[in-house]
PDB file of N, CA and C in Angstrom:
ATOM      1  N   MET A   1      26.264  24.083  -5.924  1.00  0.00           N
ATOM      2  CA  MET A   1      27.343  23.178  -5.565  1.00  0.00           C
ATOM      3  C   MET A   1      28.490  23.946  -4.898  1.00  0.00           C
ATOM      4  N   GLU A   2      28.801  25.114  -5.454  1.00  0.00           N
ATOM      5  CA  GLU A   2      29.900  25.900  -4.917  1.00  0.00           C
ATOM      6  C   GLU A   2      29.584  26.429  -3.516  1.00  0.00           C
ATOM      7  N   LYS A   3      28.327  26.763  -3.274  1.00  0.00           N
ATOM      8  CA  LYS A   3      27.932  27.238  -1.947  1.00  0.00           C
ATOM      9  C   LYS A   3      28.015  26.104  -0.925  1.00  0.00           C
ATOM     10  N   GLN A   4      27.679  24.889  -1.357  1.00  0.00           N
ATOM     11  CA  GLN A   4      27.776  23.739  -0.465  1.00  0.00           C
ATOM     12  C   GLN A   4      29.230  23.470  -0.100  1.00  0.00           C
ATOM     13  N   GLN A   5      30.116  23.559  -1.083  1.00  0.00           N
ATOM     14  CA  GLN A   5      31.532  23.353  -0.826  1.00  0.00           C
ATOM     15  C   GLN A   5      32.062  24.415   0.140  1.00  0.00           C
ATOM     16  N   SER A   6      31.660  25.645  -0.070  1.00  0.00           N
ATOM     17  CA  SER A   6      32.102  26.725   0.800  1.00  0.00           C
ATOM     18  C   SER A   6      31.624  26.495   2.230  1.00  0.00           C
ATOM     19  N   LEU A   7      30.401  26.029   2.384  1.00  0.00           N
ATOM     20  CA  LEU A   7      29.872  25.741   3.712  1.00  0.00           C
ATOM     21  C   LEU A   7      30.646  24.602   4.376  1.00  0.00           C
ATOM     22  N   ILE A   8      30.953  23.566   3.619  1.00  0.00           N
ATOM     23  CA  ILE A   8      31.714  22.437   4.153  1.00  0.00           C
ATOM     24  C   ILE A   8      33.112  22.888   4.561  1.00  0.00           C
ATOM     25  N   PHE A   9      33.752  23.715   3.741  1.00  0.00           N
ATOM     26  CA  PHE A   9      35.083  24.231   4.081  1.00  0.00           C
ATOM     27  C   PHE A   9      35.037  25.012   5.385  1.00  0.00           C
ATOM     28  N   ARG A  10      34.039  25.847   5.535  1.00  0.00           N
ATOM     29  CA  ARG A  10      33.926  26.667   6.750  1.00  0.00           C
ATOM     30  C   ARG A  10      33.664  25.816   7.979  1.00  0.00           C
ATOM     31  N   ILE A  11      32.823  24.804   7.840  1.00  0.00           N
ATOM     32  CA  ILE A  11      32.536  23.919   8.971  1.00  0.00           C
ATOM     33  C   ILE A  11      33.787  23.158   9.390  1.00  0.00           C
ATOM     34  N   LEU A  12      34.509  22.600   8.424  1.00  0.00           N
ATOM     35  CA  LEU A  12      35.721  21.854   8.742  1.00  0.00           C
ATOM     36  C   LEU A  12      36.793  22.752   9.352  1.00  0.00           C
ATOM     37  N   PHE A  13      36.932  23.952   8.803  1.00  0.00           N
ATOM     38  CA  PHE A  13      37.925  24.873   9.345  1.00  0.00           C
ATOM     39  C   PHE A  13      37.531  25.327  10.751  1.00  0.00           C
ATOM     40  N   GLY A  14      36.248  25.545  10.970  1.00  0.00           N
ATOM     41  CA  GLY A  14      35.769  25.894  12.306  1.00  0.00           C
ATOM     42  C   GLY A  14      36.011  24.771  13.304  1.00  0.00           C
ATOM     43  N   ALA A  15      35.819  23.536  12.867  1.00  0.00           N
ATOM     44  CA  ALA A  15      36.088  22.392  13.737  1.00  0.00           C
ATOM     45  C   ALA A  15      37.576  22.312  14.070  1.00  0.00           C
ATOM     46  N   ALA A  16      38.420  22.607  13.089  1.00  0.00           N
ATOM     47  CA  ALA A  16      39.862  22.598  13.332  1.00  0.00           C
ATOM     48  C   ALA A  16      40.254  23.681  14.341  1.00  0.00           C
ATOM     49  N   LEU A  17      39.690  24.861  14.193  1.00  0.00           N
ATOM     50  CA  LEU A  17      39.973  25.939  15.145  1.00  0.00           C
ATOM     51  C   LEU A  17      39.467  25.602  16.541  1.00  0.00           C
ATOM     52  N   LEU A  18      38.302  24.977  16.616  1.00  0.00           N
ATOM     53  CA  LEU A  18      37.755  24.579  17.902  1.00  0.00           C
ATOM     54  C   LEU A  18      38.653  23.543  18.588  1.00  0.00           C
ATOM     55  N   CYS A  19      39.127  22.567  17.827  1.00  0.00           N
ATOM     56  CA  CYS A  19      40.035  21.554  18.388  1.00  0.00           C
ATOM     57  C   CYS A  19      41.332  22.197  18.878  1.00  0.00           C
ATOM     58  N   ALA A  20      41.867  23.110  18.101  1.00  0.00           N
ATOM     59  CA  ALA A  20      43.111  23.769  18.506  1.00  0.00           C
ATOM     60  C   ALA A  20      42.899  24.621  19.758  1.00  0.00           C
ATOM     61  N   ALA A  21      41.795  25.350  19.806  1.00  0.00           N
ATOM     62  CA  ALA A  21      41.512  26.178  20.983  1.00  0.00           C
ATOM     63  C   ALA A  21      41.302  25.319  22.222  1.00  0.00           C
ATOM     64  N   LEU A  22      40.629  24.195  22.060  1.00  0.00           N
ATOM     65  CA  LEU A  22      40.411  23.292  23.187  1.00  0.00           C
ATOM     66  C   LEU A  22      41.729  22.683  23.665  1.00  0.00           C
ATOM     67  N   ALA A  23      42.617  22.364  22.735  1.00  0.00           N
ATOM     68  CA  ALA A  23      43.929  21.823  23.107  1.00  0.00           C
ATOM     69  C   ALA A  23      44.746  22.853  23.887  1.00  0.00           C
ATOM     70  N   ILE A  24      44.688  24.098  23.461  1.00  0.00           N
ATOM     71  CA  ILE A  24      45.417  25.155  24.164  1.00  0.00           C
ATOM     72  C   ILE A  24      44.815  25.384  25.543  1.00  0.00           C
ATOM     73  N   ALA A  25      43.484  25.404  25.626  1.00  0.00           N
ATOM     74  CA  ALA A  25      42.821  25.583  26.924  1.00  0.00           C
ATOM     75  C   ALA A  25      43.134  24.416  27.860  1.00  0.00           C
ATOM     76  N   GLU A  26      43.188  23.212  27.321  1.00  0.00           N
ATOM     77  CA  GLU A  26      43.525  22.039  28.127  1.00  0.00           C
ATOM     78  C   GLU A  26      44.945  22.139  28.666  1.00  0.00           C
ATOM     79  N   ARG A  27      45.847  22.610  27.833  1.00  0.00           N
ATOM     80  CA  ARG A  27      47.240  22.754  28.273  1.00  0.00           C
ATOM     81  C   ARG A  27      47.359  23.792  29.392  1.00  0.00           C
ATOM     82  N   ILE A  28      46.651  24.904  29.259  1.00  0.00           N
ATOM     83  CA  ILE A  28      46.682  25.939  30.289  1.00  0.00           C
ATOM     84  C   ILE A  28      46.070  25.405  31.585  1.00  0.00           C
ATOM     85  N   ALA A  29      44.951  24.690  31.480  1.00  0.00           N
ATOM     86  CA  ALA A  29      44.321  24.121  32.674  1.00  0.00           C
ATOM     87  C   ALA A  29      45.217  23.066  33.318  1.00  0.00           C
ATOM     88  N   PHE A  30      45.883  22.267  32.489  1.00  0.00           N
ATOM     89  CA  PHE A  30      46.759  21.216  33.008  1.00  0.00           C
ATOM     90  C   PHE A  30      47.952  21.811  33.748  1.00  0.00           C
ATOM     91  N   ALA A  31      48.417  22.963  33.284  1.00  0.00           N
ATOM     92  CA  ALA A  31      49.527  23.634  33.966  1.00  0.00           C
ATOM     93  C   ALA A  31      49.119  24.067  35.374  1.00  0.00           C
ATOM     94  N   GLY A  32      47.835  24.315  35.569  1.00  0.00           N
ATOM     95  CA  GLY A  32      47.333  24.686  36.885  1.00  0.00           C
ATOM     96  C   GLY A  32      46.872  23.497  37.712  1.00  0.00           C
ATOM     97  N   GLY A  33      47.037  22.301  37.178  1.00  0.00           N
ATOM     98  CA  GLY A  33      46.661  21.107  37.921  1.00  0.00           C
ATOM     99  C   GLY A  33      45.236  20.638  37.676  1.00  0.00           C
ATOM    100  N   TYR A  34      44.570  21.204  36.684  1.00  0.00           N
ATOM    101  CA  TYR A  34      43.191  20.826  36.372  1.00  0.00           C
ATOM    102  C   TYR A  34      43.141  20.182  34.993  1.00  0.00           C
ATOM    103  N   THR A  35      41.982  19.678  34.629  1.00  0.00           N
ATOM    104  CA  THR A  35      41.790  19.147  33.290  1.00  0.00           C
ATOM    105  C   THR A  35      40.391  19.508  32.799  1.00  0.00           C
ATOM    106  N   LEU A  36      40.265  19.737  31.534  1.00  0.00           N
ATOM    107  CA  LEU A  36      38.967  20.031  30.938  1.00  0.00           C
ATOM    108  C   LEU A  36      38.351  18.790  30.300  1.00  0.00           C
ATOM    109  N   LEU A  37      39.213  17.913  29.805  1.00  0.00           N
ATOM    110  CA  LEU A  37      38.744  16.755  29.048  1.00  0.00           C
ATOM    111  C   LEU A  37      38.576  15.504  29.897  1.00  0.00           C
ATOM    112  N   ARG A  38      39.065  15.544  31.117  1.00  0.00           N
ATOM    113  CA  ARG A  38      38.950  14.443  32.062  1.00  0.00           C
ATOM    114  C   ARG A  38      39.480  13.120  31.504  1.00  0.00           C
ATOM    115  N   GLY A  39      40.559  13.181  30.772  1.00  0.00           N
ATOM    116  CA  GLY A  39      41.213  11.979  30.274  1.00  0.00           C
ATOM    117  C   GLY A  39      40.578  11.358  29.046  1.00  0.00           C
ATOM    118  N   MET A  40      39.573  12.003  28.452  1.00  0.00           N
ATOM    119  CA  MET A  40      38.949  11.441  27.258  1.00  0.00           C
ATOM    120  C   MET A  40      39.938  11.383  26.101  1.00  0.00           C
ATOM    121  N   THR A  41      40.716  12.424  25.961  1.00  0.00           N
ATOM    122  CA  THR A  41      41.749  12.492  24.938  1.00  0.00           C
ATOM    123  C   THR A  41      42.797  13.499  25.403  1.00  0.00           C
ATOM    124  N   SER A  42      43.921  13.493  24.748  1.00  0.00           N
ATOM    125  CA  SER A  42      44.984  14.418  25.153  1.00  0.00           C
ATOM    126  C   SER A  42      44.957  15.666  24.273  1.00  0.00           C
ATOM    127  N   GLY A  43      45.625  16.695  24.767  1.00  0.00           N
ATOM    128  CA  GLY A  43      45.718  17.922  23.990  1.00  0.00           C
ATOM    129  C   GLY A  43      46.500  17.730  22.701  1.00  0.00           C
ATOM    130  N   GLY A  44      47.515  16.877  22.770  1.00  0.00           N
ATOM    131  CA  GLY A  44      48.299  16.589  21.568  1.00  0.00           C
ATOM    132  C   GLY A  44      47.463  15.928  20.483  1.00  0.00           C
ATOM    133  N   ARG A  45      46.573  15.034  20.893  1.00  0.00           N
ATOM    134  CA  ARG A  45      45.687  14.368  19.922  1.00  0.00           C
ATOM    135  C   ARG A  45      44.746  15.389  19.278  1.00  0.00           C
ATOM    136  N   LEU A  46      44.267  16.342  20.069  1.00  0.00           N
ATOM    137  CA  LEU A  46      43.401  17.385  19.517  1.00  0.00           C
ATOM    138  C   LEU A  46      44.144  18.247  18.506  1.00  0.00           C
ATOM    139  N   LEU A  47      45.410  18.537  18.790  1.00  0.00           N
ATOM    140  CA  LEU A  47      46.201  19.302  17.820  1.00  0.00           C
ATOM    141  C   LEU A  47      46.429  18.502  16.541  1.00  0.00           C
ATOM    142  N   GLU A  48      46.599  17.185  16.664  1.00  0.00           N
ATOM    143  CA  GLU A  48      46.739  16.343  15.470  1.00  0.00           C
ATOM    144  C   GLU A  48      45.469  16.374  14.635  1.00  0.00           C
ATOM    145  N   ILE A  49      44.325  16.297  15.303  1.00  0.00           N
ATOM    146  CA  ILE A  49      43.047  16.356  14.590  1.00  0.00           C
ATOM    147  C   ILE A  49      42.883  17.715  13.905  1.00  0.00           C
ATOM    148  N   ALA A  50      43.239  18.781  14.604  1.00  0.00           N
ATOM    149  CA  ALA A  50      43.136  20.124  14.028  1.00  0.00           C
ATOM    150  C   ALA A  50      44.037  20.262  12.804  1.00  0.00           C
ATOM    151  N   ALA A  51      45.253  19.742  12.899  1.00  0.00           N
ATOM    152  CA  ALA A  51      46.175  19.829  11.762  1.00  0.00           C
ATOM    153  C   ALA A  51      45.663  19.013  10.583  1.00  0.00           C
ATOM    154  N   THR A  52      45.136  17.830  10.852  1.00  0.00           N
ATOM    155  CA  THR A  52      44.604  16.991   9.776  1.00  0.00           C
ATOM    156  C   THR A  52      43.425  17.669   9.084  1.00  0.00           C
ATOM    157  N   LEU A  53      42.523  18.238   9.859  1.00  0.00           N
ATOM    158  CA  LEU A  53      41.384  18.939   9.266  1.00  0.00           C
ATOM    159  C   LEU A  53      41.835  20.141   8.442  1.00  0.00           C
ATOM    160  N   THR A  54      42.821  20.870   8.949  1.00  0.00           N
ATOM    161  CA  THR A  54      43.316  22.042   8.225  1.00  0.00           C
ATOM    162  C   THR A  54      43.965  21.635   6.905  1.00  0.00           C
ATOM    163  N   ILE A  55      44.765  20.585   6.920  1.00  0.00           N
ATOM    164  CA  ILE A  55      45.391  20.108   5.682  1.00  0.00           C
ATOM    165  C   ILE A  55      44.330  19.647   4.697  1.00  0.00           C
ATOM    166  N   PHE A  56      43.300  18.978   5.190  1.00  0.00           N
ATOM    167  CA  PHE A  56      42.215  18.525   4.323  1.00  0.00           C
ATOM    168  C   PHE A  56      41.498  19.704   3.671  1.00  0.00           C
ATOM    169  N   VAL A  57      41.228  20.750   4.432  1.00  0.00           N
ATOM    170  CA  VAL A  57      40.566  21.935   3.895  1.00  0.00           C
ATOM    171  C   VAL A  57      41.459  22.609   2.854  1.00  0.00           C
ATOM    172  N   ILE A  58      42.752  22.708   3.136  1.00  0.00           N
ATOM    173  CA  ILE A  58      43.677  23.318   2.173  1.00  0.00           C
ATOM    174  C   ILE A  58      43.707  22.523   0.878  1.00  0.00           C
ATOM    175  N   ALA A  59      43.730  21.206   0.984  1.00  0.00           N
ATOM    176  CA  ALA A  59      43.738  20.370  -0.217  1.00  0.00           C
ATOM    177  C   ALA A  59      42.464  20.560  -1.034  1.00  0.00           C
ATOM    178  N   LEU A  60      41.326  20.639  -0.368  1.00  0.00           N
ATOM    179  CA  LEU A  60      40.067  20.857  -1.079  1.00  0.00           C
ATOM    180  C   LEU A  60      40.021  22.229  -1.742  1.00  0.00           C
ATOM    181  N   LEU A  61      40.541  23.239  -1.048  1.00  0.00           N
ATOM    182  CA  LEU A  61      40.574  24.583  -1.641  1.00  0.00           C
ATOM    183  C   LEU A  61      41.495  24.642  -2.850  1.00  0.00           C
ATOM    184  N   LEU A  62      42.641  23.984  -2.762  1.00  0.00           N
ATOM    185  CA  LEU A  62      43.560  23.955  -3.909  1.00  0.00           C
ATOM    186  C   LEU A  62      42.940  23.225  -5.090  1.00  0.00           C
ATOM    187  N   ARG A  63      42.196  22.176  -4.812  1.00  0.00           N
ATOM    188  CA  ARG A  63      41.513  21.455  -5.890  1.00  0.00           C
ATOM    189  C   ARG A  63      40.470  22.352  -6.550  1.00  0.00           C
ATOM    190  N   GLN A  64      39.742  23.105  -5.729  1.00  0.00           N
ATOM    191  CA  GLN A  64      38.740  24.020  -6.266  1.00  0.00           C
ATOM    192  C   GLN A  64      39.400  25.103  -7.123  1.00  0.00           C
ATOM    193  N   ILE A  65      40.516  25.640  -6.683  1.00  0.00           N
ATOM    194  CA  ILE A  65      41.236  26.657  -7.449  1.00  0.00           C
ATOM    195  C   ILE A  65      41.715  26.077  -8.775  1.00  0.00           C
ATOM    196  N   ARG A  66      42.251  24.856  -8.728  1.00  0.00           N
ATOM    197  CA  ARG A  66      42.710  24.196  -9.955  1.00  0.00           C
ATOM    198  C   ARG A  66      41.562  24.027 -10.947  1.00  0.00           C
ATOM    199  N   ASP A  67      40.409  23.589 -10.462  1.00  0.00           N
ATOM    200  CA  ASP A  67      39.260  23.400 -11.340  1.00  0.00           C
ATOM    201  C   ASP A  67      38.788  24.718 -11.947  1.00  0.00           C
ATOM    202  N   LEU A  68      38.823  25.788 -11.147  1.00  0.00           N
ATOM    203  CA  LEU A  68      38.426  27.100 -11.673  1.00  0.00           C
ATOM    204  C   LEU A  68      39.405  27.595 -12.735  1.00  0.00           C
ATOM    205  N   LEU A  69      40.697  27.354 -12.530  1.00  0.00           N
ATOM    206  CA  LEU A  69      41.680  27.767 -13.520  1.00  0.00           C
ATOM    207  C   LEU A  69      41.554  26.965 -14.802  1.00  0.00           C
ATOM    208  N   ARG A  70      41.276  25.689 -14.676  1.00  0.00           N
ATOM    209  CA  ARG A  70      41.077  24.857 -15.875  1.00  0.00           C
ATOM    210  C   ARG A  70      39.832  25.273 -16.637  1.00  0.00           C
ATOM    211  N   ALA A  71      38.774  25.632 -15.920  1.00  0.00           N
ATOM    212  CA  ALA A  71      37.543  26.068 -16.580  1.00  0.00           C
ATOM    213  C   ALA A  71      37.747  27.393 -17.282  1.00  0.00           C
ATOM    214  N   GLY A  72      38.628  28.238 -16.772  1.00  0.00           N
ATOM    215  CA  GLY A  72      38.906  29.527 -17.386  1.00  0.00           C
ATOM    216  C   GLY A  72      39.686  29.406 -18.678  1.00  0.00           C
ATOM    217  N   ARG A  73      40.526  28.392 -18.787  1.00  0.00           N
ATOM    218  CA  ARG A  73      41.313  28.167 -19.997  1.00  0.00           C
ATOM    219  C   ARG A  73      40.477  27.605 -21.137  1.00  0.00           C
ATOM    220  N   GLY A  74      39.571  26.696 -20.783  1.00  0.00           N
ATOM    221  CA  GLY A  74      38.827  25.939 -21.790  1.00  0.00           C
ATOM    222  C   GLY A  74      37.712  26.668 -22.344  1.00  0.00           C
TER     223      GLY A  74
END
């Protein structure tokens, strides 16, 4: 179970990093007059998705830490 959680955390965090990198690349391309996403979504929306995924991963990690600390006491 713990290995599955770790894999899910890594996948979600990787997706967040990918969204953030794509948003930055889109901004750089847009400054040069080009676009990478062709209007499918904006760079700001990608940063919002990245932030949401990162907060979700942090919340899950904190929950896991809390559960481990509770198991250590009992």
